[in-house]
Amino acid sequence: MNDQETAPEKPSHFIRDIIAADVAAGKAGGQVVTRFPPEPNGYLHIGHAKAICLDFGMAREFGGRCHLRMDDTNPSKENMEYVESIMNDVRWLGFDWGDHFYFSADYFERMFHVAEDLIRRGKAYVCELSSEQWKDYRGVPTRPGKESPFRNRSPEENLALFHRMRAGEFADGTLCLRAKIDMASPNMHLRDPVIYRIMREHHYRTGDAWCIYPMYDFAHPLEDAFEGVTHSLCTLEFEVHRPLYDWVVEQLDLPYRPNQFEFARLNLTYTVMSKRKLLQLVNEKRVGGWDDPRMPTVSGMRRRGYPAEAIRNFCEIIGITKFESLTDVALLEHCVRDVLNRQAERRMAVLKPLKVTIANTADVPAAVRAVNNPEDPSAGEREIPFGSELYIEQDDFMLEPPPKYFRLGPGRSVRIRYAGFLTCTGVEKDAAGAVTGLVCPWSPPTAELKVKGTIHWVPASAPEAEVRLYDRLFTVEEPDQGDEKPFTDFLNPDSLQVTTARIEPALAETGGGRLFQFERIGYFVSDNRDHTPERPVFNRTVTLKDSWGKAGGK
């Protein structure tokens, strides 16, 4: 994507309006610095794609920059595999962070010094209450909490204990560092929240250098402040955390403080968005991995053939609001079809082959010409081998056709795509009476035959290919129903069906990740992991039918 390209004016939303007003007012010197800060504890999903498009999109639109930051403060769940997958996904979606790639772990020493400063100023203390005891002291939103018996230790004593925590003198979970804020606050996040805990976990980046780690609510605002972020964009569940975010940055001497703004997360039908639940699907081998084409992960959608442009268009269409809603996955599929209809070259494949023997072999051509994409004349044409034997779909022939069936039947004619006409004059059956083949004279495209149907075909030289027919992973619109029923109860047993098809010879020779429309069937992609010329593998991206468009956008 070119930053200099002239794009049509985009519909406004409240985040865009806030940033525009800040730039106009000269806040932070008119700079716009955003960040996308995923925790590297899983692969990114379509909900993260919405945040990526917003974070990077706003920075690009206002001539600023967007940082990519790994919020790796919980080493028990994080690793470099996730880091690398996140980087790949952001780049594939069309965005780049330039020189601004950061790890929270790189700030650990600096965060430690901030915590020391809070202790010296009497704004943090070491607490020895267990987590169970703290539940009682913390209270409930309608009743003030009680002060910890360790809240009023001297700064000197707290600092000494904090240093001993870092030195590893205490067991995990025995001590923690709390911010000293307000035990009577109706916002529970301000009731002396934990800002450091003891955790002996090997960190994929810092190794065993640390046995204490900052909490996210303490680390995140500090990272934004250290990096000069101006607009920290988060989803709505962080709205109640904002007072704590503001309290942390207020403790720093900054010329301009970052501000947090919240927007509604993406909720999509027939999908779960929890990384914990997606990890469960992977660990229980209910899917083939994080990049399984049925998964809502960015890597899964890429493997399924969803173009990055379609995902960006989808994120722009759904917009940015403060209201939680459920978006129909059919809208995403509509965006995919819209792009593929323009970009995907056409090819023919037969999923359930039925052999056709041409009766008048002396008349048939050796090959026919076919257009690659009627939506794009610059895509040119291709040559398809023809000959004395073809394959058509079993469903394109019936022994006793019903009314308004316009395909092949005994004595009937049909147009075959790009190649003239077939007329069925003979039917071959096996001992059980099942149809195994047809005998058909061929007529050229110039023949004056009146037919209402057109079918696709492949030549007898068509190689076999594994075709994976993917469908929605869940059978209900909202599989994540909390504690009422496990979300795995709604897994679709037919979300993957595999068949052996016959394909145009040129399809086998393509590389992985190439997108096509199989005429009359759907959009497919050559699998970017398993496809080889010797063993072609194609994944169905979406069917041809657009339920969103037909329903008028629902």
Protein backbone atom coordinates (compact mmCIF):
# COMPACT_ATOMS: atom_id res chain seq x y z
CA MET A 1 0.00 0.00 0.00
CA ASN A 2 1.28 3.45 -0.89
CA ASP A 3 0.91 6.17 1.72
CA GLN A 4 0.78 8.76 -1.04
CA GLU A 5 -2.14 7.19 -2.91
CA THR A 6 -5.20 9.38 -3.11
CA ALA A 7 -8.05 7.60 -1.39
CA PRO A 8 -11.71 8.55 -1.22
CA GLU A 9 -12.81 10.36 1.92
CA LYS A 10 -13.53 7.85 4.66
CA PRO A 11 -16.59 7.96 6.90
CA SER A 12 -15.78 9.58 10.20
CA HIS A 13 -15.86 7.89 13.60
CA PHE A 14 -15.23 9.19 17.09
CA ILE A 15 -11.57 8.10 17.26
CA ARG A 16 -10.82 9.82 13.96
CA ASP A 17 -12.63 12.93 15.21
CA ILE A 18 -10.68 12.97 18.50
CA ILE A 19 -7.33 12.67 16.75
CA ALA A 20 -8.25 15.31 14.16
CA ALA A 21 -9.24 17.72 16.94
CA ASP A 22 -6.00 17.05 18.86
CA VAL A 23 -3.90 17.65 15.75
CA ALA A 24 -5.80 20.86 14.98
CA ALA A 25 -5.26 22.05 18.58
CA GLY A 26 -1.54 21.28 18.37
CA LYS A 27 -1.56 18.78 21.23
CA ALA A 28 1.75 16.93 21.55
CA GLY A 29 3.09 19.29 18.94
CA GLY A 30 0.50 18.02 16.47
CA GLN A 31 2.09 14.55 16.48
CA VAL A 32 0.13 11.30 16.26
CA VAL A 33 1.83 8.25 17.75
CA THR A 34 -0.22 5.08 18.21
CA ARG A 35 0.78 1.55 19.10
CA PHE A 36 -0.41 -2.01 18.58
CA PRO A 37 0.59 -3.93 21.73
CA PRO A 38 -0.34 -7.64 21.51
CA GLU A 39 0.70 -10.11 24.15
CA PRO A 40 2.70 -12.85 22.37
CA ASN A 41 0.69 -15.68 23.93
CA GLY A 42 -1.17 -16.79 20.81
CA TYR A 43 -1.79 -16.01 17.16
CA LEU A 44 -3.65 -12.86 16.11
CA HIS A 45 -7.30 -13.19 15.10
CA ILE A 46 -9.79 -11.11 13.11
CA GLY A 47 -10.54 -9.01 16.20
CA HIS A 48 -6.88 -8.02 16.37
CA ALA A 49 -7.07 -7.17 12.65
CA LYS A 50 -9.66 -4.51 13.50
CA ALA A 51 -7.30 -3.00 16.09
CA ILE A 52 -4.34 -3.20 13.68
CA CYS A 53 -6.26 -1.38 10.96
CA LEU A 54 -7.29 1.30 13.46
CA ASP A 55 -3.89 1.76 15.13
CA PHE A 56 -1.81 1.76 11.96
CA GLY A 57 -4.55 3.37 9.88
CA MET A 58 -4.91 6.42 12.14
CA ALA A 59 -1.14 6.92 12.30
CA ARG A 60 -0.89 6.70 8.51
CA GLU A 61 -3.85 8.98 7.93
CA PHE A 62 -2.49 11.74 10.17
CA GLY A 63 1.14 11.46 9.08
CA GLY A 64 2.28 9.89 12.33
CA ARG A 65 3.71 6.52 13.27
CA CYS A 66 2.48 3.31 14.87
CA HIS A 67 4.68 1.19 17.11
CA LEU A 68 4.53 -2.59 17.26
CA ARG A 69 5.15 -3.68 20.83
CA MET A 70 5.19 -7.13 22.39
CA ASP A 71 3.54 -6.81 25.81
CA ASP A 72 5.50 -9.71 27.24
CA THR A 73 5.09 -9.27 31.00
CA ASN A 74 3.69 -12.78 31.60
CA PRO A 75 6.47 -15.20 30.59
CA SER A 76 4.50 -18.33 31.51
CA LYS A 77 2.47 -18.07 28.29
CA GLU A 78 4.73 -16.25 25.82
CA ASN A 79 7.31 -17.33 23.25
CA MET A 80 9.10 -16.31 20.05
CA GLU A 81 6.81 -18.40 17.82
CA TYR A 82 3.99 -16.03 18.70
CA VAL A 83 6.21 -12.97 18.25
CA GLU A 84 7.18 -14.04 14.74
CA SER A 85 3.60 -14.91 13.79
CA ILE A 86 2.42 -11.47 14.95
CA MET A 87 5.08 -9.71 12.88
CA ASN A 88 4.16 -11.76 9.80
CA ASP A 89 0.44 -11.06 10.21
CA VAL A 90 0.84 -7.30 10.62
CA ARG A 91 3.05 -7.10 7.54
CA TRP A 92 0.69 -9.29 5.52
CA LEU A 93 -2.23 -7.03 6.41
CA GLY A 94 -0.30 -4.21 4.72
CA PHE A 95 1.27 -2.32 7.60
CA ASP A 96 4.80 -1.63 8.79
CA TRP A 97 6.26 -0.24 12.00
CA GLY A 98 9.57 0.93 10.53
CA ASP A 99 12.18 1.24 13.29
CA HIS A 100 9.57 1.22 16.04
CA PHE A 101 9.47 -2.39 17.20
CA TYR A 102 9.60 -2.86 20.95
CA PHE A 103 9.39 -5.44 23.73
CA SER A 104 8.00 -4.70 27.17
CA ALA A 105 10.85 -6.81 28.51
CA ASP A 106 13.34 -4.21 27.29
CA TYR A 107 11.80 -1.76 29.77
CA PHE A 108 11.96 -4.03 32.82
CA GLU A 109 14.90 -2.18 34.43
CA ARG A 110 13.33 1.21 33.74
CA MET A 111 9.98 0.06 35.15
CA PHE A 112 11.75 -1.22 38.25
CA HIS A 113 13.22 2.24 38.82
CA VAL A 114 9.78 3.84 38.46
CA ALA A 115 8.49 1.42 41.11
CA GLU A 116 11.42 2.35 43.39
CA ASP A 117 10.53 6.02 42.97
CA LEU A 118 6.89 5.34 43.90
CA ILE A 119 8.05 3.56 47.05
CA ARG A 120 10.36 6.46 48.03
CA ARG A 121 7.46 8.90 47.60
CA GLY A 122 5.13 6.77 49.71
CA LYS A 123 2.95 5.79 46.75
CA ALA A 124 3.68 2.05 46.76
CA TYR A 125 4.25 -0.58 49.42
CA VAL A 126 5.14 -4.25 49.79
CA CYS A 127 2.16 -6.30 50.94
CA GLU A 128 2.28 -9.75 52.52
CA LEU A 129 -1.44 -10.56 52.38
CA SER A 130 -2.27 -13.71 50.46
CA SER A 131 -4.60 -13.46 47.47
CA GLU A 132 -7.37 -15.03 49.57
CA GLN A 133 -6.87 -12.53 52.38
CA TRP A 134 -6.87 -9.65 49.89
CA LYS A 135 -10.32 -10.61 48.64
CA ASP A 136 -11.65 -9.69 52.06
CA TYR A 137 -9.56 -6.52 52.40
CA ARG A 138 -10.38 -5.31 48.90
CA GLY A 139 -14.12 -5.26 49.55
CA VAL A 140 -16.81 -4.92 46.88
CA PRO A 141 -17.84 -1.98 44.64
CA THR A 142 -20.65 -0.99 47.01
CA ARG A 143 -18.52 -1.16 50.17
CA PRO A 144 -15.10 0.40 50.85
CA GLY A 145 -12.14 -1.87 51.31
CA LYS A 146 -9.89 -2.14 54.35
CA GLU A 147 -6.31 -0.99 54.42
CA SER A 148 -3.68 -3.71 54.38
CA PRO A 149 -1.84 -4.01 57.73
CA PHE A 150 1.36 -3.49 55.70
CA ARG A 151 0.15 -0.31 53.97
CA ASN A 152 1.90 2.15 56.26
CA ARG A 153 5.36 0.70 56.39
CA SER A 154 8.13 3.24 55.94
CA PRO A 155 9.53 3.84 52.44
CA GLU A 156 12.88 2.53 53.64
CA GLU A 157 11.41 -0.77 54.81
CA ASN A 158 9.35 -1.16 51.62
CA LEU A 159 12.35 -0.43 49.43
CA ALA A 160 14.47 -3.01 51.24
CA LEU A 161 11.75 -5.64 50.87
CA PHE A 162 11.26 -4.79 47.20
CA HIS A 163 14.99 -5.27 46.56
CA ARG A 164 14.87 -8.60 48.40
CA MET A 165 11.91 -9.61 46.21
CA ARG A 166 14.04 -8.94 43.14
CA ALA A 167 16.93 -10.88 44.67
CA GLY A 168 14.72 -13.96 44.93
CA GLU A 169 14.56 -14.21 48.71
CA PHE A 170 10.82 -14.89 48.82
CA ALA A 171 8.64 -17.64 47.38
CA ASP A 172 6.23 -17.05 44.53
CA GLY A 173 2.99 -15.45 45.67
CA THR A 174 4.16 -14.54 49.16
CA LEU A 175 4.79 -10.82 48.63
CA CYS A 176 3.70 -8.26 46.07
CA LEU A 177 4.13 -4.55 45.46
CA ARG A 178 0.94 -2.51 45.55
CA ALA A 179 0.24 1.03 44.43
CA LYS A 180 -1.11 3.11 47.34
CA ILE A 181 -4.15 4.84 45.86
CA ASP A 182 -7.64 4.71 47.43
CA MET A 183 -9.20 1.77 49.29
CA ALA A 184 -12.57 3.56 49.30
CA SER A 185 -12.73 4.13 45.55
CA PRO A 186 -15.84 2.73 43.83
CA ASN A 187 -13.48 1.67 41.02
CA MET A 188 -11.98 -1.60 42.23
CA HIS A 189 -8.92 -1.11 40.02
CA LEU A 190 -7.87 1.83 42.19
CA ARG A 191 -8.01 -0.10 45.47
CA ASP A 192 -4.27 -0.52 45.93
CA PRO A 193 -3.73 -2.65 42.80
CA VAL A 194 -0.81 -5.05 42.53
CA ILE A 195 1.89 -3.59 40.29
CA TYR A 196 4.60 -6.27 40.79
CA ARG A 197 4.37 -9.95 41.63
CA ILE A 198 6.91 -12.70 42.27
CA MET A 199 6.94 -15.24 39.44
CA ARG A 200 9.81 -17.61 38.80
CA GLU A 201 9.28 -18.20 35.10
CA HIS A 202 11.88 -18.32 32.35
CA HIS A 203 11.34 -15.40 30.00
CA TYR A 204 11.93 -16.08 26.31
CA ARG A 205 13.80 -12.77 26.04
CA THR A 206 15.40 -12.03 29.44
CA GLY A 207 15.95 -15.63 30.51
CA ASP A 208 16.13 -16.00 34.29
CA ALA A 209 17.33 -12.46 34.98
CA TRP A 210 14.06 -11.57 36.71
CA CYS A 211 11.86 -13.32 39.25
CA ILE A 212 9.51 -10.36 39.66
CA TYR A 213 7.41 -9.04 36.80
CA PRO A 214 5.25 -5.90 36.43
CA MET A 215 1.50 -6.25 36.05
CA TYR A 216 -0.03 -5.25 32.73
CA ASP A 217 -1.96 -2.31 34.20
CA PHE A 218 1.31 -0.86 35.48
CA ALA A 219 3.52 -1.77 32.54
CA HIS A 220 1.23 -0.66 29.72
CA PRO A 221 0.90 3.05 30.59
CA LEU A 222 4.63 3.21 31.33
CA GLU A 223 5.45 1.73 27.91
CA ASP A 224 3.16 4.25 26.22
CA ALA A 225 4.84 7.06 28.15
CA PHE A 226 8.40 5.83 27.45
CA GLU A 227 7.65 5.65 23.71
CA GLY A 228 5.87 8.98 23.43
CA VAL A 229 2.53 7.47 22.43
CA THR A 230 -0.12 10.17 22.05
CA HIS A 231 -3.26 8.10 21.50
CA SER A 232 -3.50 4.72 23.22
CA LEU A 233 -6.43 2.93 21.59
CA CYS A 234 -7.95 0.02 23.53
CA THR A 235 -11.12 -2.04 23.49
CA LEU A 236 -14.00 -1.28 25.85
CA GLU A 237 -13.07 -3.79 28.54
CA PHE A 238 -10.16 -1.48 29.42
CA GLU A 239 -12.45 1.50 30.07
CA VAL A 240 -12.62 0.77 33.81
CA HIS A 241 -8.81 0.48 33.83
CA ARG A 242 -8.36 4.01 32.45
CA PRO A 243 -8.26 5.77 35.87
CA LEU A 244 -5.36 3.52 36.85
CA TYR A 245 -3.69 4.17 33.47
CA ASP A 246 -4.00 7.91 34.13
CA TRP A 247 -2.72 7.56 37.71
CA VAL A 248 0.41 5.76 36.52
CA VAL A 249 1.32 8.30 33.83
CA GLU A 250 0.63 11.16 36.26
CA GLN A 251 3.50 9.88 38.38
CA LEU A 252 5.96 10.65 35.60
CA ASP A 253 7.40 14.02 34.66
CA LEU A 254 6.29 14.23 31.03
CA PRO A 255 5.80 17.18 28.68
CA TYR A 256 2.75 15.40 27.23
CA ARG A 257 0.92 12.46 28.72
CA PRO A 258 -0.57 9.71 26.57
CA ASN A 259 -4.33 9.38 26.64
CA GLN A 260 -6.33 6.17 26.45
CA PHE A 261 -9.45 5.90 24.30
CA GLU A 262 -11.71 2.83 24.11
CA PHE A 263 -13.76 1.38 21.26
CA ALA A 264 -15.99 -1.68 20.91
CA ARG A 265 -14.25 -4.93 20.09
CA LEU A 266 -15.27 -7.07 17.14
CA ASN A 267 -17.74 -9.86 17.85
CA LEU A 268 -18.38 -12.14 14.86
CA THR A 269 -21.09 -14.76 14.39
CA TYR A 270 -20.12 -18.46 14.31
CA THR A 271 -16.79 -17.53 15.92
CA VAL A 272 -14.99 -17.44 19.26
CA MET A 273 -12.47 -14.65 19.84
CA SER A 274 -10.86 -15.74 23.09
CA LYS A 275 -7.19 -16.66 22.59
CA ARG A 276 -7.55 -19.04 25.52
CA LYS A 277 -10.36 -20.89 23.76
CA LEU A 278 -8.59 -20.87 20.42
CA LEU A 279 -5.54 -22.33 22.16
CA GLN A 280 -7.83 -25.00 23.63
CA LEU A 281 -8.97 -25.96 20.12
CA VAL A 282 -5.33 -26.25 19.05
CA ASN A 283 -4.16 -28.20 22.12
CA GLU A 284 -7.11 -30.61 21.95
CA LYS A 285 -6.40 -31.12 18.23
CA ARG A 286 -9.93 -30.16 17.26
CA VAL A 287 -8.30 -28.15 14.47
CA GLY A 288 -5.05 -28.58 12.59
CA GLY A 289 -3.22 -25.72 14.34
CA TRP A 290 -3.38 -21.96 14.70
CA ASP A 291 -3.37 -21.58 10.91
CA ASP A 292 -6.17 -24.08 10.29
CA PRO A 293 -8.35 -22.42 7.61
CA ARG A 294 -11.41 -22.77 9.86
CA MET A 295 -9.81 -20.66 12.60
CA PRO A 296 -10.56 -16.91 12.86
CA THR A 297 -6.83 -16.25 13.12
CA VAL A 298 -5.17 -13.99 10.57
CA SER A 299 -2.87 -16.84 9.56
CA GLY A 300 -5.85 -19.19 9.22
CA MET A 301 -7.69 -16.71 7.03
CA ARG A 302 -4.57 -16.17 4.93
CA ARG A 303 -4.24 -19.93 4.43
CA ARG A 304 -7.93 -20.11 3.53
CA GLY A 305 -7.37 -17.51 0.83
CA TYR A 306 -8.86 -14.37 2.39
CA PRO A 307 -7.08 -11.42 0.74
CA ALA A 308 -5.58 -8.83 3.07
CA GLU A 309 -7.45 -6.16 1.12
CA ALA A 310 -10.76 -7.85 1.94
CA ILE A 311 -9.98 -7.88 5.67
CA ARG A 312 -9.00 -4.20 5.57
CA ASN A 313 -12.20 -3.36 3.67
CA PHE A 314 -14.25 -5.30 6.22
CA CYS A 315 -12.67 -3.44 9.12
CA GLU A 316 -13.42 -0.11 7.43
CA ILE A 317 -17.06 -1.07 6.72
CA ILE A 318 -17.89 -2.19 10.27
CA GLY A 319 -16.53 1.08 11.61
CA ILE A 320 -15.47 2.18 15.10
CA THR A 321 -18.10 2.73 17.78
CA LYS A 322 -18.59 2.57 21.54
CA PHE A 323 -21.43 0.05 21.23
CA GLU A 324 -21.01 -3.70 21.57
CA SER A 325 -22.64 -5.57 18.70
CA LEU A 326 -22.51 -8.86 16.84
CA THR A 327 -21.33 -8.67 13.24
CA ASP A 328 -22.58 -11.22 10.73
CA VAL A 329 -19.68 -13.29 9.35
CA ALA A 330 -21.52 -13.13 6.00
CA LEU A 331 -20.37 -9.51 5.73
CA LEU A 332 -16.76 -10.63 5.96
CA GLU A 333 -17.42 -13.29 3.32
CA HIS A 334 -19.05 -10.63 1.12
CA CYS A 335 -15.88 -8.51 1.35
CA VAL A 336 -13.80 -11.55 0.39
CA ARG A 337 -15.97 -12.29 -2.66
CA ASP A 338 -15.90 -8.65 -3.72
CA VAL A 339 -12.09 -8.68 -3.92
CA LEU A 340 -11.78 -12.18 -5.36
CA ASN A 341 -14.33 -11.54 -8.09
CA ARG A 342 -12.02 -8.80 -9.37
CA GLN A 343 -8.69 -10.50 -8.76
CA ALA A 344 -9.06 -14.28 -8.96
CA GLU A 345 -8.37 -15.97 -12.29
CA ARG A 346 -10.97 -18.48 -13.44
CA ARG A 347 -10.22 -22.16 -13.76
CA MET A 348 -12.30 -25.33 -14.00
CA ALA A 349 -12.33 -28.25 -11.59
CA VAL A 350 -14.66 -31.22 -11.24
CA LEU A 351 -15.25 -32.33 -7.65
CA LYS A 352 -17.31 -35.46 -8.43
CA PRO A 353 -16.04 -36.66 -11.81
CA LEU A 354 -18.22 -38.44 -14.36
CA LYS A 355 -16.42 -39.60 -17.51
CA VAL A 356 -17.68 -38.52 -20.93
CA THR A 357 -16.51 -40.25 -24.11
CA ILE A 358 -16.80 -38.15 -27.26
CA ALA A 359 -18.42 -40.15 -30.03
CA ASN A 360 -17.11 -38.12 -32.99
CA THR A 361 -13.45 -37.97 -31.99
CA ALA A 362 -12.26 -36.97 -35.45
CA ASP A 363 -14.06 -33.62 -35.13
CA VAL A 364 -12.85 -32.46 -31.74
CA PRO A 365 -10.09 -29.85 -31.35
CA ALA A 366 -6.88 -30.58 -29.45
CA ALA A 367 -7.39 -27.51 -27.24
CA VAL A 368 -9.71 -24.58 -26.64
CA ARG A 369 -9.12 -20.97 -25.52
CA ALA A 370 -10.59 -19.58 -22.28
CA VAL A 371 -10.53 -16.14 -20.65
CA ASN A 372 -8.73 -15.90 -17.32
CA ASN A 373 -11.00 -13.28 -15.76
CA PRO A 374 -13.99 -11.63 -17.44
CA GLU A 375 -13.71 -8.81 -14.86
CA ASP A 376 -10.14 -8.05 -15.92
CA PRO A 377 -9.36 -8.16 -19.66
CA SER A 378 -5.67 -7.61 -18.91
CA ALA A 379 -5.57 -11.10 -17.34
CA GLY A 380 -5.54 -12.55 -20.85
CA GLU A 381 -6.45 -16.05 -21.97
CA ARG A 382 -5.26 -19.60 -21.46
CA GLU A 383 -5.34 -22.81 -23.46
CA ILE A 384 -7.11 -25.89 -22.11
CA PRO A 385 -6.42 -29.34 -23.61
CA PHE A 386 -9.50 -30.96 -25.17
CA GLY A 387 -9.79 -34.42 -26.71
CA SER A 388 -11.82 -37.59 -26.94
CA GLU A 389 -12.57 -37.91 -23.23
CA LEU A 390 -13.73 -35.37 -20.64
CA TYR A 391 -14.92 -35.26 -17.05
CA ILE A 392 -18.06 -33.43 -15.94
CA GLU A 393 -19.77 -33.21 -12.55
CA GLN A 394 -21.97 -36.15 -11.61
CA ASP A 395 -24.65 -33.63 -10.59
CA ASP A 396 -24.71 -32.27 -14.14
CA PHE A 397 -26.35 -35.47 -15.44
CA MET A 398 -29.66 -37.12 -14.49
CA LEU A 399 -31.25 -40.22 -15.96
CA GLU A 400 -34.72 -38.81 -15.35
CA PRO A 401 -34.40 -35.03 -15.24
CA PRO A 402 -37.14 -33.13 -13.38
CA PRO A 403 -38.80 -30.02 -14.84
CA LYS A 404 -36.51 -26.98 -15.14
CA TYR A 405 -33.39 -29.15 -15.05
CA PHE A 406 -31.33 -27.70 -17.88
CA ARG A 407 -28.25 -29.88 -17.77
CA LEU A 408 -27.50 -33.27 -19.35
CA GLY A 409 -29.90 -36.18 -19.59
CA PRO A 410 -30.52 -38.93 -22.13
CA GLY A 411 -31.13 -37.27 -25.51
CA ARG A 412 -30.45 -33.80 -24.07
CA SER A 413 -27.86 -31.21 -25.09
CA VAL A 414 -25.92 -28.74 -22.98
CA ARG A 415 -23.29 -26.09 -23.61
CA ILE A 416 -19.84 -26.84 -22.20
CA ARG A 417 -17.86 -23.82 -21.07
CA TYR A 418 -15.63 -22.34 -23.83
CA ALA A 419 -15.92 -25.51 -25.97
CA GLY A 420 -19.24 -25.99 -27.78
CA PHE A 421 -21.95 -28.54 -26.96
CA LEU A 422 -22.47 -32.12 -25.81
CA THR A 423 -25.53 -34.27 -26.56
CA CYS A 424 -26.02 -37.42 -24.50
CA THR A 425 -26.65 -40.47 -26.72
CA GLY A 426 -25.41 -43.25 -24.46
CA VAL A 427 -25.23 -44.09 -20.77
CA GLU A 428 -22.83 -46.61 -19.22
CA LYS A 429 -23.73 -48.31 -15.92
CA ASP A 430 -22.15 -50.78 -13.55
CA ALA A 431 -23.69 -54.03 -12.34
CA ALA A 432 -25.61 -52.18 -9.61
CA GLY A 433 -27.15 -49.80 -12.12
CA ALA A 434 -25.07 -46.75 -11.13
CA VAL A 435 -24.06 -44.43 -13.96
CA THR A 436 -20.32 -44.72 -14.66
CA GLY A 437 -19.98 -42.85 -17.94
CA LEU A 438 -21.66 -41.10 -20.83
CA VAL A 439 -21.28 -41.20 -24.60
CA CYS A 440 -21.82 -37.83 -26.25
CA PRO A 441 -21.27 -36.43 -29.73
CA TRP A 442 -19.58 -33.04 -29.65
CA SER A 443 -20.76 -29.96 -31.55
CA PRO A 444 -18.69 -26.80 -32.09
CA PRO A 445 -19.65 -23.43 -30.57
CA THR A 446 -21.03 -22.38 -33.97
CA ALA A 447 -23.65 -25.15 -33.93
CA GLU A 448 -27.23 -23.91 -33.86
CA LEU A 449 -28.36 -25.79 -30.77
CA LYS A 450 -30.87 -24.21 -28.42
CA VAL A 451 -29.87 -24.99 -24.84
CA LYS A 452 -30.53 -23.29 -21.52
CA GLY A 453 -27.70 -24.74 -19.48
CA THR A 454 -23.91 -24.39 -19.41
CA ILE A 455 -21.70 -26.78 -17.45
CA HIS A 456 -17.98 -26.92 -16.71
CA TRP A 457 -15.60 -29.76 -17.52
CA VAL A 458 -11.96 -30.81 -17.48
CA PRO A 459 -10.00 -32.90 -20.01
CA ALA A 460 -9.16 -36.54 -19.47
CA SER A 461 -5.56 -35.44 -18.85
CA ALA A 462 -6.76 -33.54 -15.77
CA PRO A 463 -4.63 -34.46 -12.74
CA GLU A 464 -6.16 -35.40 -9.42
CA ALA A 465 -6.11 -32.93 -6.55
CA GLU A 466 -7.11 -32.97 -2.91
CA VAL A 467 -9.82 -30.39 -2.39
CA ARG A 468 -10.69 -29.33 1.15
CA LEU A 469 -14.19 -27.95 1.51
CA TYR A 470 -14.13 -25.73 4.59
CA ASP A 471 -17.29 -24.50 6.27
CA ARG A 472 -17.97 -22.57 9.47
CA LEU A 473 -16.34 -24.05 12.55
CA PHE A 474 -19.46 -23.71 14.72
CA THR A 475 -23.12 -24.54 14.16
CA VAL A 476 -24.62 -21.61 16.09
CA GLU A 477 -24.20 -17.84 15.77
CA GLU A 478 -22.94 -17.39 19.33
CA PRO A 479 -20.98 -20.48 20.39
CA ASP A 480 -19.42 -18.68 23.36
CA GLN A 481 -22.34 -18.81 25.80
CA GLY A 482 -20.36 -18.38 29.00
CA ASP A 483 -20.86 -21.12 31.55
CA GLU A 484 -24.17 -22.35 30.17
CA LYS A 485 -22.62 -24.84 27.75
CA PRO A 486 -19.04 -25.54 26.67
CA PHE A 487 -18.35 -23.78 23.39
CA THR A 488 -16.93 -27.04 22.03
CA ASP A 489 -20.46 -28.52 22.13
CA PHE A 490 -21.24 -26.36 19.10
CA LEU A 491 -18.36 -27.46 16.89
CA ASN A 492 -19.52 -28.25 13.36
CA PRO A 493 -18.73 -31.91 12.53
CA ASP A 494 -18.95 -31.04 8.83
CA SER A 495 -16.65 -28.01 8.95
CA LEU A 496 -14.15 -29.90 6.77
CA GLN A 497 -14.90 -32.33 3.98
CA VAL A 498 -12.15 -33.66 1.73
CA THR A 499 -12.68 -34.90 -1.81
CA THR A 500 -10.47 -35.96 -4.71
CA ALA A 501 -11.19 -33.76 -7.70
CA ARG A 502 -9.98 -33.43 -11.28
CA ILE A 503 -8.46 -30.05 -12.13
CA GLU A 504 -7.19 -28.18 -15.16
CA PRO A 505 -3.58 -29.30 -15.73
CA ALA A 506 -2.22 -25.76 -15.22
CA LEU A 507 -3.64 -25.67 -11.68
CA ALA A 508 -1.27 -28.37 -10.51
CA GLU A 509 1.74 -26.37 -11.65
CA THR A 510 0.88 -23.23 -9.65
CA GLY A 511 2.63 -22.40 -6.39
CA GLY A 512 1.05 -22.30 -2.95
CA GLY A 513 -1.15 -19.36 -1.98
CA ARG A 514 -2.56 -18.71 -5.48
CA LEU A 515 -6.23 -17.71 -5.63
CA PHE A 516 -8.73 -18.94 -8.21
CA GLN A 517 -12.41 -19.12 -8.93
CA PHE A 518 -13.41 -22.68 -9.77
CA GLU A 519 -16.20 -21.88 -12.19
CA ARG A 520 -19.68 -22.66 -10.88
CA ILE A 521 -18.21 -23.98 -7.59
CA GLY A 522 -16.51 -21.27 -5.54
CA TYR A 523 -13.26 -19.51 -4.74
CA PHE A 524 -10.25 -21.65 -3.87
CA VAL A 525 -6.60 -21.21 -2.94
CA SER A 526 -3.68 -23.55 -3.40
CA ASP A 527 -2.68 -24.49 0.14
CA ASN A 528 0.39 -22.53 1.22
CA ARG A 529 1.67 -25.43 3.29
CA ASP A 530 0.74 -28.69 1.56
CA HIS A 531 0.33 -27.89 -2.15
CA THR A 532 2.95 -29.28 -4.56
CA PRO A 533 2.84 -30.00 -8.33
CA GLU A 534 3.03 -33.70 -7.48
CA ARG A 535 0.25 -33.45 -4.88
CA PRO A 536 -2.00 -30.47 -5.57
CA VAL A 537 -4.08 -29.32 -2.59
CA PHE A 538 -6.76 -26.61 -2.76
CA ASN A 539 -8.76 -25.03 0.06
CA ARG A 540 -12.20 -23.58 -0.47
CA THR A 541 -12.11 -19.91 0.48
CA VAL A 542 -15.80 -19.08 0.07
CA THR A 543 -18.68 -20.34 -2.02
CA LEU A 544 -19.99 -18.29 -4.95
CA LYS A 545 -23.28 -17.49 -3.21
CA ASP A 546 -23.26 -14.20 -1.35
CA SER A 547 -25.91 -14.45 1.37
CA TRP A 548 -25.09 -10.96 2.66
CA GLY A 549 -25.72 -9.27 -0.66
CA LYS A 550 -28.86 -11.29 -1.40
CA ALA A 551 -30.29 -10.35 1.99
CA GLY A 552 -29.66 -6.68 1.34
CA GLY A 553 -26.97 -6.46 4.01
CA LYS A 554 -29.23 -8.01 6.65
